[in-house]
Structure formats: structure tokens, C-alpha cells
Amino acid sequence: MTRRGILDTISGWFGGGSKPDSPHATDVLTRHAEKLMRLRGVLSVGLGRDENGDTAIVVGLENPLAIPENIPREVEGVPVVIQDVGRPEAQD
């Protein structure tokens, strides 16, 4: 699967049923996903929507109460939304 395909799949998880349709946001996420994933506490990144319905980069955190100071509010004009995804646990 290509990097774009992976990002499209991840975006579907956070998009609430409608895929964000901003080529600019997709390009921004492609350029910055690795850097965002390296931040402490970040478990996922993808495209979704902000509270206004605009396309946004969604950053999934293990603990949203401990938001790293270096998570930006926006990246190249695309807003960043923080989401609680919880700590992953193995299933029996």
C-alpha cells in the first residue's frame, strides 16, 4: 500500500463517515506525519474534521490530559485537532 493509501485509510477512521477532501491538507499530512508521530504520547495521525466541519489533522493521544507542548495548533494553515485514542491493550 502506498503512503497516500495508508493516510486515506487512517483518515477514514477519524473522518466520521465523510472523507476530508482537501488536497492541500493531504499533502501537508504526508509531509509532516512522521514528525508528528515522533512526538511523545502521539499514537496516530490522520485527516478528519474540526468542530466547524473543516478539514483538520487529527492527532490521537494516549493521554489527552498530558498534551505535549510541542504539538502545533496548525501545520501549514491546516488546523490540528487532538483526540483521545486511549492506551492500546492486547486482546485475549
C-alpha atoms as a PDB file:
ATOM      1  CA  MET A   1       0.000   0.000   0.000  1.00  0.00           C
ATOM      2  CA  THR A   2       1.272   3.461  -0.829  1.00  0.00           C
ATOM      3  CA  ARG A   3       1.805   6.170   1.752  1.00  0.00           C
ATOM      4  CA  ARG A   4      -1.216   8.034   0.338  1.00  0.00           C
ATOM      5  CA  GLY A   5      -3.315   4.863   0.651  1.00  0.00           C
ATOM      6  CA  ILE A   6      -2.283   4.436   4.271  1.00  0.00           C
ATOM      7  CA  LEU A   7      -3.145   8.064   5.029  1.00  0.00           C
ATOM      8  CA  ASP A   8      -6.523   7.648   3.295  1.00  0.00           C
ATOM      9  CA  THR A   9      -7.249   4.603   5.454  1.00  0.00           C
ATOM     10  CA  ILE A  10      -6.274   6.404   8.653  1.00  0.00           C
ATOM     11  CA  SER A  11      -8.318   9.428   7.602  1.00  0.00           C
ATOM     12  CA  GLY A  12     -11.372   7.226   7.287  1.00  0.00           C
ATOM     13  CA  TRP A  13     -11.034   6.209  10.918  1.00  0.00           C
ATOM     14  CA  PHE A  14     -11.242   9.816  12.107  1.00  0.00           C
ATOM     15  CA  GLY A  15     -13.391  11.409   9.427  1.00  0.00           C
ATOM     16  CA  GLY A  16     -16.771  10.461  10.862  1.00  0.00           C
ATOM     17  CA  GLY A  17     -18.042   8.893   7.647  1.00  0.00           C
ATOM     18  CA  SER A  18     -17.121  11.666   5.235  1.00  0.00           C
ATOM     19  CA  LYS A  19     -13.603  11.730   3.907  1.00  0.00           C
ATOM     20  CA  PRO A  20     -11.938  15.136   4.133  1.00  0.00           C
ATOM     21  CA  ASP A  21     -11.474  16.344   0.591  1.00  0.00           C
ATOM     22  CA  SER A  22      -8.642  18.845   0.854  1.00  0.00           C
ATOM     23  CA  PRO A  23      -5.665  18.021  -1.373  1.00  0.00           C
ATOM     24  CA  HIS A  24      -3.665  20.675   0.498  1.00  0.00           C
ATOM     25  CA  ALA A  25      -4.357  19.019   3.866  1.00  0.00           C
ATOM     26  CA  THR A  26      -3.446  15.610   2.445  1.00  0.00           C
ATOM     27  CA  ASP A  27      -0.144  16.957   1.142  1.00  0.00           C
ATOM     28  CA  VAL A  28       0.590  18.685   4.470  1.00  0.00           C
ATOM     29  CA  LEU A  29      -0.136  15.493   6.405  1.00  0.00           C
ATOM     30  CA  THR A  30       2.067  13.478   4.041  1.00  0.00           C
ATOM     31  CA  ARG A  31       4.973  15.865   4.687  1.00  0.00           C
ATOM     32  CA  HIS A  32       4.530  16.083   8.479  1.00  0.00           C
ATOM     33  CA  ALA A  33       3.085  12.711   9.606  1.00  0.00           C
ATOM     34  CA  GLU A  34       6.429  11.186  10.582  1.00  0.00           C
ATOM     35  CA  LYS A  35       7.455  14.235  12.608  1.00  0.00           C
ATOM     36  CA  LEU A  36       4.100  14.321  14.418  1.00  0.00           C
ATOM     37  CA  MET A  37       4.267  10.587  15.171  1.00  0.00           C
ATOM     38  CA  ARG A  38       7.649  11.077  16.868  1.00  0.00           C
ATOM     39  CA  LEU A  39       6.150  13.381  19.498  1.00  0.00           C
ATOM     40  CA  ARG A  40       5.804  11.826  22.949  1.00  0.00           C
ATOM     41  CA  GLY A  41       2.322  10.427  23.591  1.00  0.00           C
ATOM     42  CA  VAL A  42       1.175  10.527  19.948  1.00  0.00           C
ATOM     43  CA  LEU A  43      -0.309   7.201  18.822  1.00  0.00           C
ATOM     44  CA  SER A  44      -1.859   8.195  15.490  1.00  0.00           C
ATOM     45  CA  VAL A  45      -2.225  10.964  12.930  1.00  0.00           C
ATOM     46  CA  GLY A  46      -4.729  11.325  10.134  1.00  0.00           C
ATOM     47  CA  LEU A  47      -7.198  13.648   8.473  1.00  0.00           C
ATOM     48  CA  GLY A  48     -10.566  14.436   9.937  1.00  0.00           C
ATOM     49  CA  ARG A  49     -12.732  17.418  10.687  1.00  0.00           C
ATOM     50  CA  ASP A  50     -12.568  20.111  13.338  1.00  0.00           C
ATOM     51  CA  GLU A  51     -15.557  21.353  15.347  1.00  0.00           C
ATOM     52  CA  ASN A  52     -16.547  23.617  12.425  1.00  0.00           C
ATOM     53  CA  GLY A  53     -16.514  20.763   9.903  1.00  0.00           C
ATOM     54  CA  ASP A  54     -13.325  21.970   8.227  1.00  0.00           C
ATOM     55  CA  THR A  55     -10.589  19.549   7.227  1.00  0.00           C
ATOM     56  CA  ALA A  56      -8.034  19.120  10.008  1.00  0.00           C
ATOM     57  CA  ILE A  57      -5.090  16.970  11.008  1.00  0.00           C
ATOM     58  CA  VAL A  58      -6.251  14.692  13.827  1.00  0.00           C
ATOM     59  CA  VAL A  59      -3.582  13.708  16.349  1.00  0.00           C
ATOM     60  CA  GLY A  60      -4.523  10.751  18.534  1.00  0.00           C
ATOM     61  CA  LEU A  61      -3.027  10.824  22.018  1.00  0.00           C
ATOM     62  CA  GLU A  62      -2.721   8.096  24.601  1.00  0.00           C
ATOM     63  CA  ASN A  63      -3.461  10.616  27.368  1.00  0.00           C
ATOM     64  CA  PRO A  64      -5.096  13.895  26.278  1.00  0.00           C
ATOM     65  CA  LEU A  65      -4.561  15.328  29.768  1.00  0.00           C
ATOM     66  CA  ALA A  66      -0.811  15.262  29.124  1.00  0.00           C
ATOM     67  CA  ILE A  67      -0.710  17.097  25.801  1.00  0.00           C
ATOM     68  CA  PRO A  68       2.889  17.599  24.704  1.00  0.00           C
ATOM     69  CA  GLU A  69       3.760  21.278  24.485  1.00  0.00           C
ATOM     70  CA  ASN A  70       5.274  20.838  21.046  1.00  0.00           C
ATOM     71  CA  ILE A  71       2.064  19.741  19.269  1.00  0.00           C
ATOM     72  CA  PRO A  72       1.263  22.639  16.950  1.00  0.00           C
ATOM     73  CA  ARG A  73      -2.191  24.249  16.735  1.00  0.00           C
ATOM     74  CA  GLU A  74      -1.843  24.231  12.963  1.00  0.00           C
ATOM     75  CA  VAL A  75       0.536  22.950  10.300  1.00  0.00           C
ATOM     76  CA  GLU A  76       0.901  24.995   7.113  1.00  0.00           C
ATOM     77  CA  GLY A  77      -2.525  26.523   7.698  1.00  0.00           C
ATOM     78  CA  VAL A  78      -4.287  23.207   8.433  1.00  0.00           C
ATOM     79  CA  PRO A  79      -5.728  23.123  11.972  1.00  0.00           C
ATOM     80  CA  VAL A  80      -4.643  20.333  14.332  1.00  0.00           C
ATOM     81  CA  VAL A  81      -7.280  18.572  16.429  1.00  0.00           C
ATOM     82  CA  ILE A  82      -6.303  16.457  19.418  1.00  0.00           C
ATOM     83  CA  GLN A  83      -8.267  13.276  20.055  1.00  0.00           C
ATOM     84  CA  ASP A  84      -8.165  10.769  22.912  1.00  0.00           C
ATOM     85  CA  VAL A  85      -7.498   7.312  21.488  1.00  0.00           C
ATOM     86  CA  GLY A  86      -6.528   5.728  24.797  1.00  0.00           C
ATOM     87  CA  ARG A  87      -3.815   3.262  25.553  1.00  0.00           C
ATOM     88  CA  PRO A  88      -3.789   0.224  23.243  1.00  0.00           C
ATOM     89  CA  GLU A  89      -4.143  -3.108  25.016  1.00  0.00           C
ATOM     90  CA  ALA A  90      -3.650  -6.629  23.733  1.00  0.00           C
ATOM     91  CA  GLN A  91      -6.779  -8.753  23.313  1.00  0.00           C
ATOM     92  CA  ASP A  92      -7.016 -12.340  24.541  1.00  0.00           C
END
